[in-house]
């Protein structure tokens, strides 16, 4: 597992079927970073990430078991996670990052 992307399981007492996934993007100079993926209908504004004192941007998302595609929007530009566990081509001629939850 990369240092920019980690999985941390938290128990859901009712179904025990989701994990909290922490997404990380290292960019001390960025002014704004958002997370977009198939888990939020690729919205470029609904998941702002928070920057820590070292310039690492983070967002935690509860996801159920499965395969998810995502990208970061850094100061308005779509960027891939350089430490993603995989990538898959998209319809725009670039690639989406992949995260597997509960695999």
C-alpha atoms as a PDB file:
ATOM      1  CA  UNK A   1       0.000   0.000   0.000  1.00  0.00           C
ATOM      2  CA  UNK A   2       1.359   3.417  -0.912  1.00  0.00           C
ATOM      3  CA  UNK A   3       1.991   6.216   1.500  1.00  0.00           C
ATOM      4  CA  UNK A   4      -0.428   8.441  -0.426  1.00  0.00           C
ATOM      5  CA  UNK A   5      -3.311   6.013  -0.251  1.00  0.00           C
ATOM      6  CA  UNK A   6      -4.202   3.926   2.753  1.00  0.00           C
ATOM      7  CA  UNK A   7      -7.163   1.827   3.744  1.00  0.00           C
ATOM      8  CA  UNK A   8      -8.390   1.947   7.291  1.00  0.00           C
ATOM      9  CA  UNK A   9     -11.233  -0.313   8.293  1.00  0.00           C
ATOM     10  CA  UNK A  10     -13.865   0.883  10.698  1.00  0.00           C
ATOM     11  CA  UNK A  11     -16.682  -1.384  11.755  1.00  0.00           C
ATOM     12  CA  UNK A  12     -20.245  -0.593  10.873  1.00  0.00           C
ATOM     13  CA  UNK A  13     -22.178  -2.305  13.653  1.00  0.00           C
ATOM     14  CA  UNK A  14     -25.228  -2.843  11.456  1.00  0.00           C
ATOM     15  CA  UNK A  15     -23.620  -4.452   8.393  1.00  0.00           C
ATOM     16  CA  UNK A  16     -19.822  -4.471   8.773  1.00  0.00           C
ATOM     17  CA  UNK A  17     -19.692  -3.956   4.988  1.00  0.00           C
ATOM     18  CA  UNK A  18     -17.768  -0.718   4.455  1.00  0.00           C
ATOM     19  CA  UNK A  19     -14.308   0.662   4.990  1.00  0.00           C
ATOM     20  CA  UNK A  20     -13.135   4.197   5.423  1.00  0.00           C
ATOM     21  CA  UNK A  21     -10.642   4.871   2.624  1.00  0.00           C
ATOM     22  CA  UNK A  22      -8.185   7.696   3.106  1.00  0.00           C
ATOM     23  CA  UNK A  23      -7.081   9.383  -0.116  1.00  0.00           C
ATOM     24  CA  UNK A  24      -3.895  11.465   0.004  1.00  0.00           C
ATOM     25  CA  UNK A  25      -2.302  13.875  -2.433  1.00  0.00           C
ATOM     26  CA  UNK A  26       1.073  15.489  -1.743  1.00  0.00           C
ATOM     27  CA  UNK A  27       1.169  19.070  -3.035  1.00  0.00           C
ATOM     28  CA  UNK A  28       2.412  21.772  -0.655  1.00  0.00           C
ATOM     29  CA  UNK A  29       1.926  24.480  -3.311  1.00  0.00           C
ATOM     30  CA  UNK A  30      -1.680  23.625  -4.251  1.00  0.00           C
ATOM     31  CA  UNK A  31      -4.344  26.085  -3.198  1.00  0.00           C
ATOM     32  CA  UNK A  32      -7.278  23.665  -3.544  1.00  0.00           C
ATOM     33  CA  UNK A  33      -7.637  19.914  -4.078  1.00  0.00           C
ATOM     34  CA  UNK A  34     -10.870  17.978  -4.610  1.00  0.00           C
ATOM     35  CA  UNK A  35     -11.524  14.257  -4.934  1.00  0.00           C
ATOM     36  CA  UNK A  36     -13.750  13.021  -7.750  1.00  0.00           C
ATOM     37  CA  UNK A  37     -14.721   9.480  -8.602  1.00  0.00           C
ATOM     38  CA  UNK A  38     -17.490   7.097  -9.450  1.00  0.00           C
ATOM     39  CA  UNK A  39     -18.409   7.126  -5.720  1.00  0.00           C
ATOM     40  CA  UNK A  40     -19.548  10.798  -6.012  1.00  0.00           C
ATOM     41  CA  UNK A  41     -20.718  10.777  -9.655  1.00  0.00           C
ATOM     42  CA  UNK A  42     -17.415  12.461 -10.678  1.00  0.00           C
ATOM     43  CA  UNK A  43     -18.400  15.720  -9.025  1.00  0.00           C
ATOM     44  CA  UNK A  44     -15.455  18.113  -9.128  1.00  0.00           C
ATOM     45  CA  UNK A  45     -16.582  20.161  -6.117  1.00  0.00           C
ATOM     46  CA  UNK A  46     -18.440  18.002  -3.560  1.00  0.00           C
ATOM     47  CA  UNK A  47     -15.376  16.416  -1.904  1.00  0.00           C
ATOM     48  CA  UNK A  48     -12.839  19.089  -0.969  1.00  0.00           C
ATOM     49  CA  UNK A  49      -9.689  17.688   0.605  1.00  0.00           C
ATOM     50  CA  UNK A  50      -8.039  19.154   3.705  1.00  0.00           C
ATOM     51  CA  UNK A  51      -4.365  20.160   3.748  1.00  0.00           C
ATOM     52  CA  UNK A  52      -2.118  19.345   6.706  1.00  0.00           C
ATOM     53  CA  UNK A  53       0.887  21.377   7.845  1.00  0.00           C
ATOM     54  CA  UNK A  54       3.214  19.433   5.505  1.00  0.00           C
ATOM     55  CA  UNK A  55       1.133  20.068   2.387  1.00  0.00           C
ATOM     56  CA  UNK A  56      -0.502  16.643   2.212  1.00  0.00           C
ATOM     57  CA  UNK A  57      -4.149  16.834   1.187  1.00  0.00           C
ATOM     58  CA  UNK A  58      -6.483  14.205   2.665  1.00  0.00           C
ATOM     59  CA  UNK A  59     -10.068  13.027   2.359  1.00  0.00           C
ATOM     60  CA  UNK A  60     -11.714  10.030   4.015  1.00  0.00           C
ATOM     61  CA  UNK A  61     -14.559   8.313   2.234  1.00  0.00           C
ATOM     62  CA  UNK A  62     -16.645   5.385   3.501  1.00  0.00           C
ATOM     63  CA  UNK A  63     -16.864   2.835   0.689  1.00  0.00           C
ATOM     64  CA  UNK A  64     -18.379  -0.618   0.484  1.00  0.00           C
ATOM     65  CA  UNK A  65     -16.493  -3.580  -0.960  1.00  0.00           C
ATOM     66  CA  UNK A  66     -15.693  -3.124  -4.637  1.00  0.00           C
ATOM     67  CA  UNK A  67     -13.725  -1.467  -7.412  1.00  0.00           C
ATOM     68  CA  UNK A  68     -13.692   2.340  -7.643  1.00  0.00           C
ATOM     69  CA  UNK A  69     -12.198   4.820 -10.079  1.00  0.00           C
ATOM     70  CA  UNK A  70     -11.088   8.301  -9.031  1.00  0.00           C
ATOM     71  CA  UNK A  71      -8.900  11.336  -9.787  1.00  0.00           C
ATOM     72  CA  UNK A  72      -7.826  14.495  -8.000  1.00  0.00           C
ATOM     73  CA  UNK A  73      -8.665  18.021  -9.140  1.00  0.00           C
ATOM     74  CA  UNK A  74      -5.703  20.190  -8.187  1.00  0.00           C
ATOM     75  CA  UNK A  75      -6.272  23.926  -8.649  1.00  0.00           C
ATOM     76  CA  UNK A  76      -8.758  23.094 -11.415  1.00  0.00           C
ATOM     77  CA  UNK A  77      -6.597  20.519 -13.235  1.00  0.00           C
ATOM     78  CA  UNK A  78      -7.436  16.797 -13.251  1.00  0.00           C
ATOM     79  CA  UNK A  79      -4.511  14.773 -11.873  1.00  0.00           C
ATOM     80  CA  UNK A  80      -3.858  11.104 -11.257  1.00  0.00           C
ATOM     81  CA  UNK A  81      -2.637   9.650  -7.990  1.00  0.00           C
ATOM     82  CA  UNK A  82       1.004   8.718  -8.717  1.00  0.00           C
ATOM     83  CA  UNK A  83       0.761   5.962  -6.107  1.00  0.00           C
ATOM     84  CA  UNK A  84      -2.582   4.447  -7.128  1.00  0.00           C
ATOM     85  CA  UNK A  85      -2.815   0.663  -7.022  1.00  0.00           C
ATOM     86  CA  UNK A  86      -3.766   0.749 -10.696  1.00  0.00           C
ATOM     87  CA  UNK A  87      -5.068   2.845 -13.575  1.00  0.00           C
ATOM     88  CA  UNK A  88      -7.640   2.247 -16.285  1.00  0.00           C
ATOM     89  CA  UNK A  89      -8.147   4.198 -19.548  1.00  0.00           C
ATOM     90  CA  UNK A  90     -11.110   6.569 -19.612  1.00  0.00           C
ATOM     91  CA  UNK A  91     -13.206   8.012 -22.434  1.00  0.00           C
ATOM     92  CA  UNK A  92     -11.263  11.295 -22.413  1.00  0.00           C
ATOM     93  CA  UNK A  93      -7.960   9.799 -23.555  1.00  0.00           C
ATOM     94  CA  UNK A  94      -6.346   9.759 -20.128  1.00  0.00           C
ATOM     95  CA  UNK A  95      -6.558   7.330 -17.228  1.00  0.00           C
ATOM     96  CA  UNK A  96      -8.502   7.018 -13.997  1.00  0.00           C
ATOM     97  CA  UNK A  97      -6.913   5.729 -10.821  1.00  0.00           C
ATOM     98  CA  UNK A  98      -8.255   2.550  -9.238  1.00  0.00           C
ATOM     99  CA  UNK A  99      -8.802   1.574  -5.631  1.00  0.00           C
ATOM    100  CA  UNK A 100     -10.016  -1.871  -4.559  1.00  0.00           C
ATOM    101  CA  UNK A 101     -11.868  -1.990  -1.247  1.00  0.00           C
ATOM    102  CA  UNK A 102     -12.044  -5.213   0.698  1.00  0.00           C
ATOM    103  CA  UNK A 103     -10.167  -7.200  -1.915  1.00  0.00           C
END
